[in-house]
Amino acid sequence: MHPGSESNTNANTNATMSTDNQPQRPVRSISLPPLAALALALGLVGSTYIAATTWRDVRKQPEKNNIRITGSAKKRIVSDLIGWSATIESKGSDRTAAYVSLKGGTDKVVEFLKAQGIKPDEIKTQSAEVAEEFETVREDKVLPGTTVAVQSETRKSTGFRALQVVTVNSTNVQQIEKASREITSLLEQDVFVTSHAPSYYYTRLGELKLEMLAEAAKDARNRAENILRSAGNTGLGQLVDSSMGIININPANSTFTSTEGNNDTSSYEKDIITIVRAEYMVN
């Protein structure tokens, strides 16, 4: 071994020993209570969410102002179809007698309608109904050997009652109205007839609804333009959304409304009212 090598070895050994012998700085550890650690974690999550949503709101485009408006349209219509019915009634001591009497009355009703100018194919005769009728007879009887009266009830047949309905559907509304008022004149001929109230219909309602909806939509746009013009000449933009409201068909001059819609059949003249809700962009 060379003398120089030994001296180098001793020097390295002394350097290592001197390093190992130097005192080390203690590392401090911080221990937080569980609640404090939870609060810190929530704070970090919250700050991250706020930063993210702030960035999102900065990038979000501002929403455009819209205007929502309701438009309506009203039109008077006249019924072009009428439905009417009359009930003929008769009585007899038995089924056959009741039916024969009913048939005679029904034939007179049909003849009367034809004489009014009503077409035979517009007159329909329903099936006859014959039923036995009863009355309740109450009688007080004293039981043998007693003075106590006991009330008894028995059913007694009073004969048979027959009914038949004649119906008419026609586009000649005025003609059927006249017949419905004058049919009771047959009572003078011992025909027991009851005239029911006519029902009035409008057969072109489908195409009229489309026309009325277009008018209501036009009214909605005119209203929106008038409102914006009064607010400072702001321009009306494109249509964003629209929906059809309830359609009400009322007797003439009636203001009745229904959440499910109304379809009157009791009057000859009617008012049809349509509503449209629309939303437009504001320029």
C-alpha atoms as a PDB file:
ATOM      1  CA  MET A   1       0.000   0.000   0.000  1.00  0.00           C
ATOM      2  CA  HIS A   2       1.280   3.412  -0.831  1.00  0.00           C
ATOM      3  CA  PRO A   3       1.694   5.967   1.936  1.00  0.00           C
ATOM      4  CA  GLY A   4      -0.530   8.437   0.054  1.00  0.00           C
ATOM      5  CA  SER A   5      -3.440   5.968  -0.164  1.00  0.00           C
ATOM      6  CA  GLU A   6      -3.542   5.477   3.580  1.00  0.00           C
ATOM      7  CA  SER A   7      -3.721   9.183   4.262  1.00  0.00           C
ATOM      8  CA  ASN A   8      -6.651   9.567   1.795  1.00  0.00           C
ATOM      9  CA  THR A   9      -8.539   6.761   3.453  1.00  0.00           C
ATOM     10  CA  ASN A  10      -8.129   8.306   6.871  1.00  0.00           C
ATOM     11  CA  ALA A  11      -9.316  11.653   5.552  1.00  0.00           C
ATOM     12  CA  ASN A  12     -12.533  10.128   4.061  1.00  0.00           C
ATOM     13  CA  THR A  13     -13.191   8.226   7.238  1.00  0.00           C
ATOM     14  CA  ASN A  14     -12.831  11.338   9.340  1.00  0.00           C
ATOM     15  CA  ALA A  15     -15.191  13.256   6.980  1.00  0.00           C
ATOM     16  CA  THR A  16     -17.842  10.576   7.240  1.00  0.00           C
ATOM     17  CA  MET A  17     -17.579  10.397  10.980  1.00  0.00           C
ATOM     18  CA  SER A  18     -17.801  14.151  11.326  1.00  0.00           C
ATOM     19  CA  THR A  19     -20.998  14.174   9.175  1.00  0.00           C
ATOM     20  CA  ASP A  20     -22.667  11.423  11.159  1.00  0.00           C
ATOM     21  CA  ASN A  21     -21.843  13.147  14.388  1.00  0.00           C
ATOM     22  CA  GLN A  22     -23.557  16.469  13.400  1.00  0.00           C
ATOM     23  CA  PRO A  23     -26.904  16.994  15.227  1.00  0.00           C
ATOM     24  CA  GLN A  24     -30.106  16.785  12.922  1.00  0.00           C
ATOM     25  CA  ARG A  25     -32.930  19.374  13.049  1.00  0.00           C
ATOM     26  CA  PRO A  26     -36.161  17.953  14.393  1.00  0.00           C
ATOM     27  CA  VAL A  27     -39.188  17.813  11.933  1.00  0.00           C
ATOM     28  CA  ARG A  28     -42.379  19.335  13.383  1.00  0.00           C
ATOM     29  CA  SER A  29     -45.649  17.535  12.636  1.00  0.00           C
ATOM     30  CA  ILE A  30     -48.960  19.370  12.919  1.00  0.00           C
ATOM     31  CA  SER A  31     -52.007  17.414  14.053  1.00  0.00           C
ATOM     32  CA  LEU A  32     -55.441  19.034  13.466  1.00  0.00           C
ATOM     33  CA  PRO A  33     -58.630  18.066  15.209  1.00  0.00           C
ATOM     34  CA  PRO A  34     -61.064  16.096  12.964  1.00  0.00           C
ATOM     35  CA  LEU A  35     -63.575  18.973  12.675  1.00  0.00           C
ATOM     36  CA  ALA A  36     -60.875  21.442  11.704  1.00  0.00           C
ATOM     37  CA  ALA A  37     -59.524  19.061   9.051  1.00  0.00           C
ATOM     38  CA  LEU A  38     -63.043  18.634   7.617  1.00  0.00           C
ATOM     39  CA  ALA A  39     -63.595  22.386   7.508  1.00  0.00           C
ATOM     40  CA  LEU A  40     -60.306  22.892   5.712  1.00  0.00           C
ATOM     41  CA  ALA A  41     -61.188  20.247   3.103  1.00  0.00           C
ATOM     42  CA  LEU A  42     -64.613  21.766   2.506  1.00  0.00           C
ATOM     43  CA  GLY A  43     -63.064  25.190   2.153  1.00  0.00           C
ATOM     44  CA  LEU A  44     -60.701  23.950  -0.525  1.00  0.00           C
ATOM     45  CA  VAL A  45     -63.560  22.282  -2.437  1.00  0.00           C
ATOM     46  CA  GLY A  46     -65.729  25.403  -2.157  1.00  0.00           C
ATOM     47  CA  SER A  47     -63.000  27.715  -3.387  1.00  0.00           C
ATOM     48  CA  THR A  48     -62.392  25.428  -6.346  1.00  0.00           C
ATOM     49  CA  TYR A  49     -66.148  25.388  -7.210  1.00  0.00           C
ATOM     50  CA  ILE A  50     -66.413  29.185  -6.954  1.00  0.00           C
ATOM     51  CA  ALA A  51     -63.451  29.645  -9.243  1.00  0.00           C
ATOM     52  CA  ALA A  52     -64.888  27.180 -11.773  1.00  0.00           C
ATOM     53  CA  THR A  53     -68.398  28.688 -11.782  1.00  0.00           C
ATOM     54  CA  THR A  54     -66.993  32.193 -12.018  1.00  0.00           C
ATOM     55  CA  TRP A  55     -65.051  31.189 -15.125  1.00  0.00           C
ATOM     56  CA  ARG A  56     -68.170  29.543 -16.564  1.00  0.00           C
ATOM     57  CA  ASP A  57     -70.304  32.662 -15.949  1.00  0.00           C
ATOM     58  CA  VAL A  58     -67.672  34.847 -17.535  1.00  0.00           C
ATOM     59  CA  ARG A  59     -67.739  32.712 -20.684  1.00  0.00           C
ATOM     60  CA  LYS A  60     -71.598  32.416 -20.761  1.00  0.00           C
ATOM     61  CA  GLN A  61     -73.343  34.588 -23.314  1.00  0.00           C
ATOM     62  CA  PRO A  62     -75.964  36.966 -21.913  1.00  0.00           C
ATOM     63  CA  GLU A  63     -79.567  35.811 -22.535  1.00  0.00           C
ATOM     64  CA  LYS A  64     -81.707  37.826 -24.938  1.00  0.00           C
ATOM     65  CA  ASN A  65     -84.897  39.472 -23.675  1.00  0.00           C
ATOM     66  CA  ASN A  66     -88.133  37.870 -24.857  1.00  0.00           C
ATOM     67  CA  ILE A  67     -91.736  39.019 -24.730  1.00  0.00           C
ATOM     68  CA  ARG A  68     -94.648  36.686 -24.029  1.00  0.00           C
ATOM     69  CA  ILE A  69     -98.066  37.715 -25.325  1.00  0.00           C
ATOM     70  CA  THR A  70    -101.593  36.318 -25.715  1.00  0.00           C
ATOM     71  CA  GLY A  71    -103.697  36.836 -28.834  1.00  0.00           C
ATOM     72  CA  SER A  72    -107.361  36.068 -29.408  1.00  0.00           C
ATOM     73  CA  ALA A  73    -109.917  35.953 -32.213  1.00  0.00           C
ATOM     74  CA  LYS A  74    -113.722  35.879 -32.148  1.00  0.00           C
ATOM     75  CA  LYS A  75    -116.244  35.168 -34.890  1.00  0.00           C
ATOM     76  CA  ARG A  76    -120.020  34.749 -35.107  1.00  0.00           C
ATOM     77  CA  ILE A  77    -121.148  31.527 -36.781  1.00  0.00           C
ATOM     78  CA  VAL A  78    -124.582  30.184 -37.769  1.00  0.00           C
ATOM     79  CA  SER A  79    -125.451  26.503 -37.355  1.00  0.00           C
ATOM     80  CA  ASP A  80    -125.828  24.529 -40.585  1.00  0.00           C
ATOM     81  CA  LEU A  81    -127.087  21.231 -39.115  1.00  0.00           C
ATOM     82  CA  ILE A  82    -129.917  20.504 -36.692  1.00  0.00           C
ATOM     83  CA  GLY A  83    -130.787  17.388 -34.711  1.00  0.00           C
ATOM     84  CA  TRP A  84    -134.227  16.988 -33.161  1.00  0.00           C
ATOM     85  CA  SER A  85    -136.312  14.225 -31.614  1.00  0.00           C
ATOM     86  CA  ALA A  86    -139.865  13.609 -30.417  1.00  0.00           C
ATOM     87  CA  THR A  87    -141.201  10.888 -28.125  1.00  0.00           C
ATOM     88  CA  ILE A  88    -144.560   9.229 -28.799  1.00  0.00           C
ATOM     89  CA  GLU A  89    -146.348   7.543 -25.914  1.00  0.00           C
ATOM     90  CA  SER A  90    -149.379   5.279 -25.635  1.00  0.00           C
ATOM     91  CA  LYS A  91    -151.082   3.041 -23.085  1.00  0.00           C
ATOM     92  CA  GLY A  92    -153.155  -0.142 -23.273  1.00  0.00           C
ATOM     93  CA  SER A  93    -154.637  -2.847 -21.111  1.00  0.00           C
ATOM     94  CA  ASP A  94    -152.213  -5.378 -22.606  1.00  0.00           C
ATOM     95  CA  ARG A  95    -149.019  -5.317 -24.657  1.00  0.00           C
ATOM     96  CA  THR A  96    -150.759  -5.667 -27.993  1.00  0.00           C
ATOM     97  CA  ALA A  97    -153.204  -2.846 -27.350  1.00  0.00           C
ATOM     98  CA  ALA A  98    -150.399  -0.531 -26.165  1.00  0.00           C
ATOM     99  CA  TYR A  99    -148.266  -1.279 -29.236  1.00  0.00           C
ATOM    100  CA  VAL A 100    -151.124  -0.856 -31.722  1.00  0.00           C
ATOM    101  CA  SER A 101    -151.960   2.522 -30.207  1.00  0.00           C
ATOM    102  CA  LEU A 102    -148.279   3.519 -30.303  1.00  0.00           C
ATOM    103  CA  LYS A 103    -147.899   2.525 -33.944  1.00  0.00           C
ATOM    104  CA  GLY A 104    -150.894   4.638 -34.913  1.00  0.00           C
ATOM    105  CA  GLY A 105    -149.438   7.671 -33.140  1.00  0.00           C
ATOM    106  CA  THR A 106    -145.976   7.172 -34.667  1.00  0.00           C
ATOM    107  CA  ASP A 107    -147.425   6.910 -38.179  1.00  0.00           C
ATOM    108  CA  LYS A 108    -149.243  10.223 -37.679  1.00  0.00           C
ATOM    109  CA  VAL A 109    -146.025  11.892 -36.506  1.00  0.00           C
ATOM    110  CA  VAL A 110    -144.078  10.671 -39.555  1.00  0.00           C
ATOM    111  CA  GLU A 111    -146.877  11.795 -41.888  1.00  0.00           C
ATOM    112  CA  PHE A 112    -146.875  15.226 -40.227  1.00  0.00           C
ATOM    113  CA  LEU A 113    -143.103  15.611 -40.704  1.00  0.00           C
ATOM    114  CA  LYS A 114    -143.289  14.637 -44.364  1.00  0.00           C
ATOM    115  CA  ALA A 115    -146.088  17.152 -44.863  1.00  0.00           C
ATOM    116  CA  GLN A 116    -143.700  19.805 -43.476  1.00  0.00           C
ATOM    117  CA  GLY A 117    -141.345  19.083 -46.380  1.00  0.00           C
ATOM    118  CA  ILE A 118    -138.859  16.967 -44.440  1.00  0.00           C
ATOM    119  CA  LYS A 119    -137.189  14.286 -46.539  1.00  0.00           C
ATOM    120  CA  PRO A 120    -138.077  10.669 -45.671  1.00  0.00           C
ATOM    121  CA  ASP A 121    -134.391   9.650 -45.390  1.00  0.00           C
ATOM    122  CA  GLU A 122    -133.907  12.345 -42.706  1.00  0.00           C
ATOM    123  CA  ILE A 123    -136.580  10.750 -40.480  1.00  0.00           C
ATOM    124  CA  LYS A 124    -135.473   7.830 -38.303  1.00  0.00           C
ATOM    125  CA  THR A 125    -137.764   5.741 -36.087  1.00  0.00           C
ATOM    126  CA  GLN A 126    -136.216   3.914 -33.159  1.00  0.00           C
ATOM    127  CA  SER A 127    -137.388   0.606 -31.708  1.00  0.00           C
ATOM    128  CA  ALA A 128    -140.537   0.645 -29.583  1.00  0.00           C
ATOM    129  CA  GLU A 129    -140.386  -0.083 -25.866  1.00  0.00           C
ATOM    130  CA  VAL A 130    -143.339  -1.671 -24.058  1.00  0.00           C
ATOM    131  CA  ALA A 131    -143.364  -2.113 -20.287  1.00  0.00           C
ATOM    132  CA  GLU A 132    -145.987  -3.136 -17.743  1.00  0.00           C
ATOM    133  CA  GLU A 133    -146.839  -0.564 -15.095  1.00  0.00           C
ATOM    134  CA  PHE A 134    -147.825  -1.207 -11.499  1.00  0.00           C
ATOM    135  CA  GLU A 135    -149.279   0.655  -8.573  1.00  0.00           C
ATOM    136  CA  THR A 136    -148.803  -0.113  -4.896  1.00  0.00           C
ATOM    137  CA  VAL A 137    -151.985  -0.881  -2.961  1.00  0.00           C
ATOM    138  CA  ARG A 138    -151.801  -0.490   0.835  1.00  0.00           C
ATOM    139  CA  GLU A 139    -154.418  -2.190   2.996  1.00  0.00           C
ATOM    140  CA  ASP A 140    -154.922  -2.490   6.767  1.00  0.00           C
ATOM    141  CA  LYS A 141    -156.083  -5.922   7.938  1.00  0.00           C
ATOM    142  CA  VAL A 142    -156.991  -7.097  11.437  1.00  0.00           C
ATOM    143  CA  LEU A 143    -155.638 -10.517  12.198  1.00  0.00           C
ATOM    144  CA  PRO A 144    -158.240 -13.086  13.295  1.00  0.00           C
ATOM    145  CA  GLY A 145    -158.587 -13.245  17.066  1.00  0.00           C
ATOM    146  CA  THR A 146    -156.792  -9.914  17.569  1.00  0.00           C
ATOM    147  CA  THR A 147    -157.564  -6.227  17.504  1.00  0.00           C
ATOM    148  CA  VAL A 148    -154.209  -5.328  15.991  1.00  0.00           C
ATOM    149  CA  ALA A 149    -154.292  -3.898  12.447  1.00  0.00           C
ATOM    150  CA  VAL A 150    -151.461  -4.950  10.157  1.00  0.00           C
ATOM    151  CA  GLN A 151    -150.678  -2.967   7.003  1.00  0.00           C
ATOM    152  CA  SER A 152    -149.988  -4.929   3.837  1.00  0.00           C
ATOM    153  CA  GLU A 153    -148.766  -3.801   0.453  1.00  0.00           C
ATOM    154  CA  THR A 154    -149.462  -5.417  -2.888  1.00  0.00           C
ATOM    155  CA  ARG A 155    -148.523  -4.491  -6.471  1.00  0.00           C
ATOM    156  CA  LYS A 156    -151.354  -4.216  -8.927  1.00  0.00           C
ATOM    157  CA  SER A 157    -150.965  -4.017 -12.698  1.00  0.00           C
ATOM    158  CA  THR A 158    -152.401  -0.866 -14.248  1.00  0.00           C
ATOM    159  CA  GLY A 159    -151.748  -1.815 -17.861  1.00  0.00           C
ATOM    160  CA  PHE A 160    -148.913  -1.343 -20.345  1.00  0.00           C
ATOM    161  CA  ARG A 161    -147.038   1.755 -21.473  1.00  0.00           C
ATOM    162  CA  ALA A 162    -145.330   1.988 -24.867  1.00  0.00           C
ATOM    163  CA  LEU A 163    -142.729   4.526 -26.030  1.00  0.00           C
ATOM    164  CA  GLN A 164    -141.093   5.274 -29.374  1.00  0.00           C
ATOM    165  CA  VAL A 165    -138.645   8.022 -30.425  1.00  0.00           C
ATOM    166  CA  VAL A 166    -138.542   9.666 -33.845  1.00  0.00           C
ATOM    167  CA  THR A 167    -135.360  11.578 -34.729  1.00  0.00           C
ATOM    168  CA  VAL A 168    -134.577  14.032 -37.512  1.00  0.00           C
ATOM    169  CA  ASN A 169    -131.172  15.288 -38.699  1.00  0.00           C
ATOM    170  CA  SER A 170    -131.180  17.864 -41.461  1.00  0.00           C
ATOM    171  CA  THR A 171    -129.298  20.797 -42.922  1.00  0.00           C
ATOM    172  CA  ASN A 172    -132.630  22.623 -43.349  1.00  0.00           C
ATOM    173  CA  VAL A 173    -132.449  24.182 -39.909  1.00  0.00           C
ATOM    174  CA  GLN A 174    -135.378  26.575 -40.207  1.00  0.00           C
ATOM    175  CA  GLN A 175    -137.682  23.842 -41.491  1.00  0.00           C
ATOM    176  CA  ILE A 176    -136.945  21.493 -38.596  1.00  0.00           C
ATOM    177  CA  GLU A 177    -137.289  24.303 -36.060  1.00  0.00           C
ATOM    178  CA  LYS A 178    -140.791  25.009 -37.369  1.00  0.00           C
ATOM    179  CA  ALA A 179    -141.750  21.322 -37.228  1.00  0.00           C
ATOM    180  CA  SER A 180    -140.455  20.989 -33.658  1.00  0.00           C
ATOM    181  CA  ARG A 181    -142.732  23.823 -32.544  1.00  0.00           C
ATOM    182  CA  GLU A 182    -145.854  22.632 -34.376  1.00  0.00           C
ATOM    183  CA  ILE A 183    -145.652  18.865 -33.781  1.00  0.00           C
ATOM    184  CA  THR A 184    -147.577  19.188 -30.509  1.00  0.00           C
ATOM    185  CA  SER A 185    -150.674  20.093 -32.537  1.00  0.00           C
ATOM    186  CA  LEU A 186    -151.100  16.312 -32.904  1.00  0.00           C
ATOM    187  CA  LEU A 187    -152.271  16.242 -29.290  1.00  0.00           C
ATOM    188  CA  GLU A 188    -155.637  17.323 -30.687  1.00  0.00           C
ATOM    189  CA  GLN A 189    -155.694  13.998 -32.566  1.00  0.00           C
ATOM    190  CA  ASP A 190    -155.037  12.011 -29.368  1.00  0.00           C
ATOM    191  CA  VAL A 191    -151.377  11.531 -30.255  1.00  0.00           C
ATOM    192  CA  PHE A 192    -149.353  11.853 -27.056  1.00  0.00           C
ATOM    193  CA  VAL A 193    -146.138  13.380 -28.424  1.00  0.00           C
ATOM    194  CA  THR A 194    -143.402  15.299 -26.601  1.00  0.00           C
ATOM    195  CA  SER A 195    -141.087  17.574 -28.599  1.00  0.00           C
ATOM    196  CA  HIS A 196    -137.504  17.850 -27.305  1.00  0.00           C
ATOM    197  CA  ALA A 197    -135.215  20.852 -27.687  1.00  0.00           C
ATOM    198  CA  PRO A 198    -133.223  20.813 -30.955  1.00  0.00           C
ATOM    199  CA  SER A 199    -129.423  20.561 -31.034  1.00  0.00           C
ATOM    200  CA  TYR A 200    -127.522  22.891 -33.369  1.00  0.00           C
ATOM    201  CA  TYR A 201    -124.182  22.053 -34.997  1.00  0.00           C
ATOM    202  CA  TYR A 202    -121.625  23.690 -37.296  1.00  0.00           C
ATOM    203  CA  THR A 203    -120.167  21.131 -39.690  1.00  0.00           C
ATOM    204  CA  ARG A 204    -117.200  23.175 -41.016  1.00  0.00           C
ATOM    205  CA  LEU A 205    -115.689  23.666 -37.575  1.00  0.00           C
ATOM    206  CA  GLY A 206    -112.367  21.948 -38.406  1.00  0.00           C
ATOM    207  CA  GLU A 207    -111.331  24.329 -41.172  1.00  0.00           C
ATOM    208  CA  LEU A 208    -112.732  27.310 -39.264  1.00  0.00           C
ATOM    209  CA  LYS A 209    -110.511  26.505 -36.260  1.00  0.00           C
ATOM    210  CA  LEU A 210    -107.399  26.777 -38.457  1.00  0.00           C
ATOM    211  CA  GLU A 211    -108.564  30.145 -39.739  1.00  0.00           C
ATOM    212  CA  MET A 212    -109.322  31.366 -36.215  1.00  0.00           C
ATOM    213  CA  LEU A 213    -105.940  30.227 -34.885  1.00  0.00           C
ATOM    214  CA  ALA A 214    -104.206  32.174 -37.657  1.00  0.00           C
ATOM    215  CA  GLU A 215    -106.220  35.278 -36.720  1.00  0.00           C
ATOM    216  CA  ALA A 216    -105.366  34.829 -33.033  1.00  0.00           C
ATOM    217  CA  ALA A 217    -101.636  34.456 -33.847  1.00  0.00           C
ATOM    218  CA  LYS A 218    -101.792  37.643 -35.932  1.00  0.00           C
ATOM    219  CA  ASP A 219    -103.467  39.438 -33.038  1.00  0.00           C
ATOM    220  CA  ALA A 220    -100.711  38.268 -30.663  1.00  0.00           C
ATOM    221  CA  ARG A 221     -97.986  39.698 -32.930  1.00  0.00           C
ATOM    222  CA  ASN A 222     -99.840  43.010 -33.321  1.00  0.00           C
ATOM    223  CA  ARG A 223    -100.163  43.311 -29.561  1.00  0.00           C
ATOM    224  CA  ALA A 224     -96.471  42.601 -29.029  1.00  0.00           C
ATOM    225  CA  GLU A 225     -95.478  45.199 -31.635  1.00  0.00           C
ATOM    226  CA  ASN A 226     -97.755  47.820 -30.072  1.00  0.00           C
ATOM    227  CA  ILE A 227     -96.328  47.193 -26.610  1.00  0.00           C
ATOM    228  CA  LEU A 228     -92.721  47.462 -27.800  1.00  0.00           C
ATOM    229  CA  ARG A 229     -93.507  50.537 -29.899  1.00  0.00           C
ATOM    230  CA  SER A 230     -94.944  52.240 -26.825  1.00  0.00           C
ATOM    231  CA  ALA A 231     -91.847  51.243 -24.838  1.00  0.00           C
ATOM    232  CA  GLY A 232     -89.437  52.972 -27.202  1.00  0.00           C
ATOM    233  CA  ASN A 233     -89.579  51.604 -30.738  1.00  0.00           C
ATOM    234  CA  THR A 234     -87.824  48.352 -29.841  1.00  0.00           C
ATOM    235  CA  GLY A 235     -87.950  45.893 -32.730  1.00  0.00           C
ATOM    236  CA  LEU A 236     -89.797  42.581 -32.514  1.00  0.00           C
ATOM    237  CA  GLY A 237     -87.658  39.560 -33.376  1.00  0.00           C
ATOM    238  CA  GLN A 238     -88.471  36.064 -34.545  1.00  0.00           C
ATOM    239  CA  LEU A 239     -91.029  33.765 -32.976  1.00  0.00           C
ATOM    240  CA  VAL A 240     -89.505  31.588 -30.228  1.00  0.00           C
ATOM    241  CA  ASP A 241     -92.471  29.557 -29.013  1.00  0.00           C
ATOM    242  CA  SER A 242     -96.240  29.363 -29.465  1.00  0.00           C
ATOM    243  CA  SER A 243     -99.091  27.283 -28.108  1.00  0.00           C
ATOM    244  CA  MET A 244    -102.800  26.975 -28.785  1.00  0.00           C
ATOM    245  CA  GLY A 245    -105.194  27.768 -25.975  1.00  0.00           C
ATOM    246  CA  ILE A 246    -108.695  26.486 -25.324  1.00  0.00           C
ATOM    247  CA  ILE A 247    -111.316  26.955 -28.052  1.00  0.00           C
ATOM    248  CA  ASN A 248    -114.744  27.979 -26.721  1.00  0.00           C
ATOM    249  CA  ILE A 249    -117.931  27.835 -28.783  1.00  0.00           C
ATOM    250  CA  ASN A 250    -120.616  29.727 -26.874  1.00  0.00           C
ATOM    251  CA  PRO A 251    -124.147  30.934 -27.489  1.00  0.00           C
ATOM    252  CA  ALA A 252    -124.110  34.334 -29.207  1.00  0.00           C
ATOM    253  CA  ASN A 253    -122.949  37.165 -26.886  1.00  0.00           C
ATOM    254  CA  SER A 254    -122.095  34.736 -24.073  1.00  0.00           C
ATOM    255  CA  THR A 255    -118.852  35.216 -22.120  1.00  0.00           C
ATOM    256  CA  PHE A 256    -118.796  31.705 -20.652  1.00  0.00           C
ATOM    257  CA  THR A 257    -115.359  30.082 -20.540  1.00  0.00           C
ATOM    258  CA  SER A 258    -114.233  26.600 -19.629  1.00  0.00           C
ATOM    259  CA  THR A 259    -110.771  25.226 -18.874  1.00  0.00           C
ATOM    260  CA  GLU A 260    -111.633  22.183 -21.001  1.00  0.00           C
ATOM    261  CA  GLY A 261    -113.266  24.126 -23.817  1.00  0.00           C
ATOM    262  CA  ASN A 262    -116.953  24.610 -24.545  1.00  0.00           C
ATOM    263  CA  ASN A 263    -118.978  23.363 -27.512  1.00  0.00           C
ATOM    264  CA  ASP A 264    -122.496  24.757 -27.313  1.00  0.00           C
ATOM    265  CA  THR A 265    -125.289  22.904 -29.143  1.00  0.00           C
ATOM    266  CA  SER A 266    -128.256  24.752 -27.643  1.00  0.00           C
ATOM    267  CA  SER A 267    -128.261  27.880 -29.835  1.00  0.00           C
ATOM    268  CA  TYR A 268    -128.616  28.565 -33.536  1.00  0.00           C
ATOM    269  CA  GLU A 269    -126.122  31.460 -33.533  1.00  0.00           C
ATOM    270  CA  LYS A 270    -122.802  30.979 -31.751  1.00  0.00           C
ATOM    271  CA  ASP A 271    -119.543  32.791 -31.044  1.00  0.00           C
ATOM    272  CA  ILE A 272    -116.277  30.900 -31.519  1.00  0.00           C
ATOM    273  CA  ILE A 273    -113.358  32.244 -29.479  1.00  0.00           C
ATOM    274  CA  THR A 274    -109.758  31.067 -29.942  1.00  0.00           C
ATOM    275  CA  ILE A 275    -106.646  31.958 -27.926  1.00  0.00           C
ATOM    276  CA  VAL A 276    -102.956  31.682 -28.892  1.00  0.00           C
ATOM    277  CA  ARG A 277     -99.962  32.245 -26.598  1.00  0.00           C
ATOM    278  CA  ALA A 278     -96.734  33.350 -28.290  1.00  0.00           C
ATOM    279  CA  GLU A 279     -93.166  34.287 -27.320  1.00  0.00           C
ATOM    280  CA  TYR A 280     -90.977  36.558 -29.468  1.00  0.00           C
ATOM    281  CA  MET A 281     -87.383  37.730 -29.299  1.00  0.00           C
ATOM    282  CA  VAL A 282     -86.827  41.443 -28.678  1.00  0.00           C
ATOM    283  CA  ASN A 283     -84.197  43.048 -30.910  1.00  0.00           C
END
